PDB file of N, CA and C in Angstrom:
ATOM      1  N   MET A   1       1.877  57.125  19.864  1.00  0.00           N
ATOM      2  CA  MET A   1       1.203  55.940  19.320  1.00  0.00           C
ATOM      3  C   MET A   1       1.881  55.984  17.748  1.00  0.00           C
ATOM      4  N   ARG A   2       2.630  54.631  17.497  1.00  0.00           N
ATOM      5  CA  ARG A   2       2.981  54.044  16.475  1.00  0.00           C
ATOM      6  C   ARG A   2       2.222  53.896  15.277  1.00  0.00           C
ATOM      7  N   GLU A   3       1.453  54.392  14.989  1.00  0.00           N
ATOM      8  CA  GLU A   3      -0.243  54.380  13.616  1.00  0.00           C
ATOM      9  C   GLU A   3       0.177  53.346  12.973  1.00  0.00           C
ATOM     10  N   LYS A   4       2.226  53.138  12.155  1.00  0.00           N
ATOM     11  CA  LYS A   4       1.972  52.919  10.913  1.00  0.00           C
ATOM     12  C   LYS A   4       2.411  51.401  11.196  1.00  0.00           C
ATOM     13  N   LEU A   5       2.833  51.099  12.321  1.00  0.00           N
ATOM     14  CA  LEU A   5       3.015  49.549  13.082  1.00  0.00           C
ATOM     15  C   LEU A   5       1.497  49.251  13.351  1.00  0.00           C
ATOM     16  N   ARG A   6       1.071  50.028  14.112  1.00  0.00           N
ATOM     17  CA  ARG A   6      -0.619  49.242  14.598  1.00  0.00           C
ATOM     18  C   ARG A   6      -1.438  48.990  13.097  1.00  0.00           C
ATOM     19  N   LYS A   7      -0.940  49.773  12.122  1.00  0.00           N
ATOM     20  CA  LYS A   7      -1.386  49.735  10.588  1.00  0.00           C
ATOM     21  C   LYS A   7      -1.238  48.690  10.020  1.00  0.00           C
ATOM     22  N   ALA A   8       0.011  48.262  10.135  1.00  0.00           N
ATOM     23  CA  ALA A   8       0.726  47.273   9.621  1.00  0.00           C
ATOM     24  C   ALA A   8       0.055  46.087  10.313  1.00  0.00           C
ATOM     25  N   ARG A   9       0.177  45.862  11.371  1.00  0.00           N
ATOM     26  CA  ARG A   9      -0.153  44.334  12.035  1.00  0.00           C
ATOM     27  C   ARG A   9      -2.056  44.383  11.398  1.00  0.00           C
ATOM     28  N   LEU A  10      -2.784  45.214  11.837  1.00  0.00           N
ATOM     29  CA  LEU A  10      -4.194  45.278  11.731  1.00  0.00           C
ATOM     30  C   LEU A  10      -4.315  45.078  10.034  1.00  0.00           C
ATOM     31  N   SER A  11      -3.690  45.049   9.395  1.00  0.00           N
ATOM     32  CA  SER A  11      -3.785  44.982   7.894  1.00  0.00           C
ATOM     33  C   SER A  11      -4.069  43.653   7.572  1.00  0.00           C
ATOM     34  N   ARG A  12      -2.689  42.759   8.280  1.00  0.00           N
ATOM     35  CA  ARG A  12      -2.166  41.311   8.349  1.00  0.00           C
ATOM     36  C   ARG A  12      -2.940  40.628   9.375  1.00  0.00           C
ATOM     37  N   GLY A  13      -4.250  41.492   9.998  1.00  0.00           N
ATOM     38  CA  GLY A  13      -5.282  40.777  10.339  1.00  0.00           C
ATOM     39  C   GLY A  13      -4.560  39.834  11.932  1.00  0.00           C
ATOM     40  N   LEU A  14      -3.792  40.484  12.808  1.00  0.00           N
ATOM     41  CA  LEU A  14      -2.919  40.216  13.666  1.00  0.00           C
ATOM     42  C   LEU A  14      -3.322  40.800  14.980  1.00  0.00           C
ATOM     43  N   ARG A  15      -3.323  39.909  15.920  1.00  0.00           N
ATOM     44  CA  ARG A  15      -3.181  41.443  17.351  1.00  0.00           C
ATOM     45  C   ARG A  15      -1.975  40.815  17.855  1.00  0.00           C
ATOM     46  N   GLN A  16      -2.113  41.641  18.724  1.00  0.00           N
ATOM     47  CA  GLN A  16      -0.623  41.948  19.357  1.00  0.00           C
ATOM     48  C   GLN A  16      -0.163  41.142  20.176  1.00  0.00           C
ATOM     49  N   GLU A  17      -0.899  40.094  20.108  1.00  0.00           N
ATOM     50  CA  GLU A  17      -0.279  38.773  20.931  1.00  0.00           C
ATOM     51  C   GLU A  17       0.597  37.582  19.646  1.00  0.00           C
ATOM     52  N   ASP A  18      -0.195  37.760  18.569  1.00  0.00           N
ATOM     53  CA  ASP A  18       0.427  37.114  17.549  1.00  0.00           C
ATOM     54  C   ASP A  18       1.955  37.625  16.728  1.00  0.00           C
ATOM     55  N   VAL A  19       1.335  39.092  16.843  1.00  0.00           N
ATOM     56  CA  VAL A  19       3.242  39.614  16.969  1.00  0.00           C
ATOM     57  C   VAL A  19       3.942  39.706  17.869  1.00  0.00           C
ATOM     58  N   ALA A  20       3.676  39.520  18.994  1.00  0.00           N
ATOM     59  CA  ALA A  20       4.492  39.203  20.175  1.00  0.00           C
ATOM     60  C   ALA A  20       5.181  38.018  19.860  1.00  0.00           C
ATOM     61  N   LYS A  21       4.224  37.029  19.535  1.00  0.00           N
ATOM     62  CA  LYS A  21       4.784  35.510  19.643  1.00  0.00           C
ATOM     63  C   LYS A  21       5.971  35.194  18.521  1.00  0.00           C
ATOM     64  N   LYS A  22       5.542  36.040  17.095  1.00  0.00           N
ATOM     65  CA  LYS A  22       6.637  35.892  15.854  1.00  0.00           C
ATOM     66  C   LYS A  22       7.524  36.764  16.315  1.00  0.00           C
ATOM     67  N   ILE A  23       7.889  37.400  17.118  1.00  0.00           N
ATOM     68  CA  ILE A  23       9.029  38.304  16.979  1.00  0.00           C
ATOM     69  C   ILE A  23       9.691  38.261  18.674  1.00  0.00           C
ATOM     70  N   GLY A  24       9.165  37.142  19.184  1.00  0.00           N
ATOM     71  CA  GLY A  24       9.939  36.561  20.135  1.00  0.00           C
ATOM     72  C   GLY A  24      10.034  37.703  21.813  1.00  0.00           C
ATOM     73  N   VAL A  25       8.998  37.928  22.102  1.00  0.00           N
ATOM     74  CA  VAL A  25       9.045  38.965  22.992  1.00  0.00           C
ATOM     75  C   VAL A  25       7.369  39.250  23.594  1.00  0.00           C
ATOM     76  N   SER A  26       6.886  39.596  24.970  1.00  0.00           N
ATOM     77  CA  SER A  26       5.800  39.064  25.308  1.00  0.00           C
ATOM     78  C   SER A  26       4.893  40.465  24.673  1.00  0.00           C
ATOM     79  N   THR A  27       3.734  39.892  24.685  1.00  0.00           N
ATOM     80  CA  THR A  27       2.705  40.893  24.662  1.00  0.00           C
ATOM     81  C   THR A  27       2.780  42.468  25.234  1.00  0.00           C
ATOM     82  N   ARG A  28       3.106  42.374  26.396  1.00  0.00           N
ATOM     83  CA  ARG A  28       3.310  43.543  26.961  1.00  0.00           C
ATOM     84  C   ARG A  28       4.695  44.578  26.331  1.00  0.00           C
ATOM     85  N   MET A  29       5.604  43.699  25.971  1.00  0.00           N
ATOM     86  CA  MET A  29       6.339  44.740  24.939  1.00  0.00           C
ATOM     87  C   MET A  29       6.303  44.785  23.840  1.00  0.00           C
ATOM     88  N   TYR A  30       5.536  44.053  23.748  1.00  0.00           N
ATOM     89  CA  TYR A  30       5.337  44.381  21.944  1.00  0.00           C
ATOM     90  C   TYR A  30       4.135  45.653  22.341  1.00  0.00           C
ATOM     91  N   GLN A  31       3.433  45.561  23.015  1.00  0.00           N
ATOM     92  CA  GLN A  31       2.240  46.960  23.631  1.00  0.00           C
ATOM     93  C   GLN A  31       3.083  48.219  23.453  1.00  0.00           C
ATOM     94  N   HIS A  32       4.303  48.340  24.560  1.00  0.00           N
ATOM     95  CA  HIS A  32       5.132  49.359  24.047  1.00  0.00           C
ATOM     96  C   HIS A  32       5.561  49.800  23.523  1.00  0.00           C
ATOM     97  N   LEU A  33       6.222  48.760  22.644  1.00  0.00           N
ATOM     98  CA  LEU A  33       6.947  49.460  21.018  1.00  0.00           C
ATOM     99  C   LEU A  33       5.757  50.095  20.145  1.00  0.00           C
ATOM    100  N   GLU A  34       4.333  49.090  20.237  1.00  0.00           N
ATOM    101  CA  GLU A  34       3.016  50.101  19.581  1.00  0.00           C
ATOM    102  C   GLU A  34       2.805  51.183  19.697  1.00  0.00           C
ATOM    103  N   THR A  35       2.771  51.540  21.423  1.00  0.00           N
ATOM    104  CA  THR A  35       2.202  52.825  21.412  1.00  0.00           C
ATOM    105  C   THR A  35       3.224  54.080  21.293  1.00  0.00           C
ATOM    106  N   GLY A  36       4.767  53.354  21.794  1.00  0.00           N
ATOM    107  CA  GLY A  36       6.010  54.114  21.379  1.00  0.00           C
ATOM    108  C   GLY A  36       6.081  54.929  22.894  1.00  0.00           C
ATOM    109  N   SER A  37       5.593  54.156  23.641  1.00  0.00           N
ATOM    110  CA  SER A  37       6.318  54.115  25.606  1.00  0.00           C
ATOM    111  C   SER A  37       7.725  53.423  25.325  1.00  0.00           C
ATOM    112  N   ARG A  38       8.068  52.648  24.842  1.00  0.00           N
ATOM    113  CA  ARG A  38       9.733  51.742  24.846  1.00  0.00           C
ATOM    114  C   ARG A  38       9.657  51.588  23.288  1.00  0.00           C
ATOM    115  N   ASN A  39      11.260  52.105  22.985  1.00  0.00           N
ATOM    116  CA  ASN A  39      11.972  51.606  21.518  1.00  0.00           C
ATOM    117  C   ASN A  39      12.329  50.322  21.445  1.00  0.00           C
ATOM    118  N   GLY A  40      12.885  49.631  22.486  1.00  0.00           N
ATOM    119  CA  GLY A  40      13.021  47.954  22.192  1.00  0.00           C
ATOM    120  C   GLY A  40      14.681  47.954  21.726  1.00  0.00           C
ATOM    121  N   LYS A  41      14.841  47.084  21.637  1.00  0.00           N
ATOM    122  CA  LYS A  41      15.601  46.212  20.962  1.00  0.00           C
ATOM    123  C   LYS A  41      16.159  46.526  19.269  1.00  0.00           C
ATOM    124  N   ILE A  42      16.892  47.039  18.748  1.00  0.00           N
ATOM    125  CA  ILE A  42      17.236  46.493  17.689  1.00  0.00           C
ATOM    126  C   ILE A  42      16.613  45.187  16.678  1.00  0.00           C
ATOM    127  N   GLU A  43      16.698  44.237  17.471  1.00  0.00           N
ATOM    128  CA  GLU A  43      16.352  43.038  16.943  1.00  0.00           C
ATOM    129  C   GLU A  43      14.845  42.894  16.847  1.00  0.00           C
ATOM    130  N   TYR A  44      14.293  43.419  17.474  1.00  0.00           N
ATOM    131  CA  TYR A  44      12.569  43.278  17.520  1.00  0.00           C
ATOM    132  C   TYR A  44      12.602  44.543  16.327  1.00  0.00           C
ATOM    133  N   TRP A  45      13.092  45.119  16.188  1.00  0.00           N
ATOM    134  CA  TRP A  45      13.305  46.292  15.004  1.00  0.00           C
ATOM    135  C   TRP A  45      13.038  44.856  13.818  1.00  0.00           C
ATOM    136  N   ASP A  46      14.220  44.659  13.312  1.00  0.00           N
ATOM    137  CA  ASP A  46      14.838  43.827  12.190  1.00  0.00           C
ATOM    138  C   ASP A  46      13.387  42.829  11.700  1.00  0.00           C
ATOM    139  N   ALA A  47      13.168  42.247  13.236  1.00  0.00           N
ATOM    140  CA  ALA A  47      12.170  41.045  13.061  1.00  0.00           C
ATOM    141  C   ALA A  47      10.799  41.598  12.729  1.00  0.00           C
ATOM    142  N   LEU A  48      10.099  42.768  12.862  1.00  0.00           N
ATOM    143  CA  LEU A  48       8.817  44.048  12.757  1.00  0.00           C
ATOM    144  C   LEU A  48       9.143  44.108  11.275  1.00  0.00           C
ATOM    145  N   GLU A  49      10.309  44.255  10.759  1.00  0.00           N
ATOM    146  CA  GLU A  49      10.456  44.930   9.601  1.00  0.00           C
ATOM    147  C   GLU A  49      10.343  43.530   8.720  1.00  0.00           C
ATOM    148  N   ASP A  50      11.074  42.636   8.707  1.00  0.00           N
ATOM    149  CA  ASP A  50      10.660  41.098   7.864  1.00  0.00           C
ATOM    150  C   ASP A  50       9.367  40.605   7.886  1.00  0.00           C
ATOM    151  N   LEU A  51       8.741  40.839   9.253  1.00  0.00           N
ATOM    152  CA  LEU A  51       7.375  40.013   9.170  1.00  0.00           C
ATOM    153  C   LEU A  51       6.447  40.845   8.654  1.00  0.00           C
ATOM    154  N   PHE A  52       6.352  42.205   8.400  1.00  0.00           N
ATOM    155  CA  PHE A  52       5.479  43.512   7.510  1.00  0.00           C
ATOM    156  C   PHE A  52       6.318  44.003   6.489  1.00  0.00           C
ATOM    157  N   ASP A  53       6.892  43.519   5.900  1.00  0.00           N
ATOM    158  CA  ASP A  53       8.095  43.987   4.758  1.00  0.00           C
ATOM    159  C   ASP A  53       7.751  45.340   4.301  1.00  0.00           C
ATOM    160  N   ILE A  54       8.334  46.101   5.749  1.00  0.00           N
ATOM    161  CA  ILE A  54       7.767  47.756   6.013  1.00  0.00           C
ATOM    162  C   ILE A  54       9.429  47.876   6.438  1.00  0.00           C
ATOM    163  N   PRO A  55      10.045  49.021   6.136  1.00  0.00           N
ATOM    164  CA  PRO A  55      11.274  49.386   6.378  1.00  0.00           C
ATOM    165  C   PRO A  55      10.905  50.122   8.122  1.00  0.00           C
ATOM    166  N   GLN A  56      11.872  49.437   9.137  1.00  0.00           N
ATOM    167  CA  GLN A  56      11.971  49.923  10.649  1.00  0.00           C
ATOM    168  C   GLN A  56      11.705  51.211  10.808  1.00  0.00           C
ATOM    169  N   ARG A  57      12.380  52.406   9.294  1.00  0.00           N
ATOM    170  CA  ARG A  57      12.505  53.472   9.923  1.00  0.00           C
ATOM    171  C   ARG A  57      10.882  54.341   9.852  1.00  0.00           C
ATOM    172  N   THR A  58       9.995  53.401   9.088  1.00  0.00           N
ATOM    173  CA  THR A  58       8.912  53.703   8.850  1.00  0.00           C
ATOM    174  C   THR A  58       8.014  53.420   9.908  1.00  0.00           C
ATOM    175  N   LEU A  59       8.024  51.923  10.377  1.00  0.00           N
ATOM    176  CA  LEU A  59       7.425  51.251  11.680  1.00  0.00           C
ATOM    177  C   LEU A  59       7.316  52.209  12.710  1.00  0.00           C
ATOM    178  N   ARG A  60       8.981  52.600  13.116  1.00  0.00           N
ATOM    179  CA  ARG A  60       9.318  53.482  14.386  1.00  0.00           C
ATOM    180  C   ARG A  60       8.529  54.616  14.452  1.00  0.00           C
ATOM    181  N   SER A  61       8.361  55.320  13.017  1.00  0.00           N
ATOM    182  CA  SER A  61       7.814  57.081  13.592  1.00  0.00           C
ATOM    183  C   SER A  61       6.320  57.033  14.020  1.00  0.00           C
ATOM    184  N   ILE A  62       6.439  58.017  15.226  1.00  0.00           N
ATOM    185  CA  ILE A  62       5.685  58.251  15.815  1.00  0.00           C
ATOM    186  C   ILE A  62       4.675  59.437  15.435  1.00  0.00           C
ATOM    187  N   LYS A  63       3.561  59.054  15.524  1.00  0.00           N
ATOM    188  CA  LYS A  63       1.934  60.241  15.453  1.00  0.00           C
ATOM    189  C   LYS A  63       2.678  60.833  16.345  1.00  0.00           C
ATOM    190  N   VAL A  64       2.652  62.292  15.555  1.00  0.00           N
ATOM    191  CA  VAL A  64       2.666  63.725  16.647  1.00  0.00           C
ATOM    192  C   VAL A  64       1.362  64.762  16.266  1.00  0.00           C
TER     193      VAL A  64
END
């Protein structure tokens, strides 16, 4: 689980569907990104970094 990505989304009061729409991916793809089951394209992470103003290296980290 990418807990920092999830917390960033929740701190903005956004649903997974909202984030998916803002970065131009399907809700299911965003769910994969958030759970860590897929890495996704660099463009997705660039968009998430811009949306949350958090470095993508931080957002991509997976809680172990």
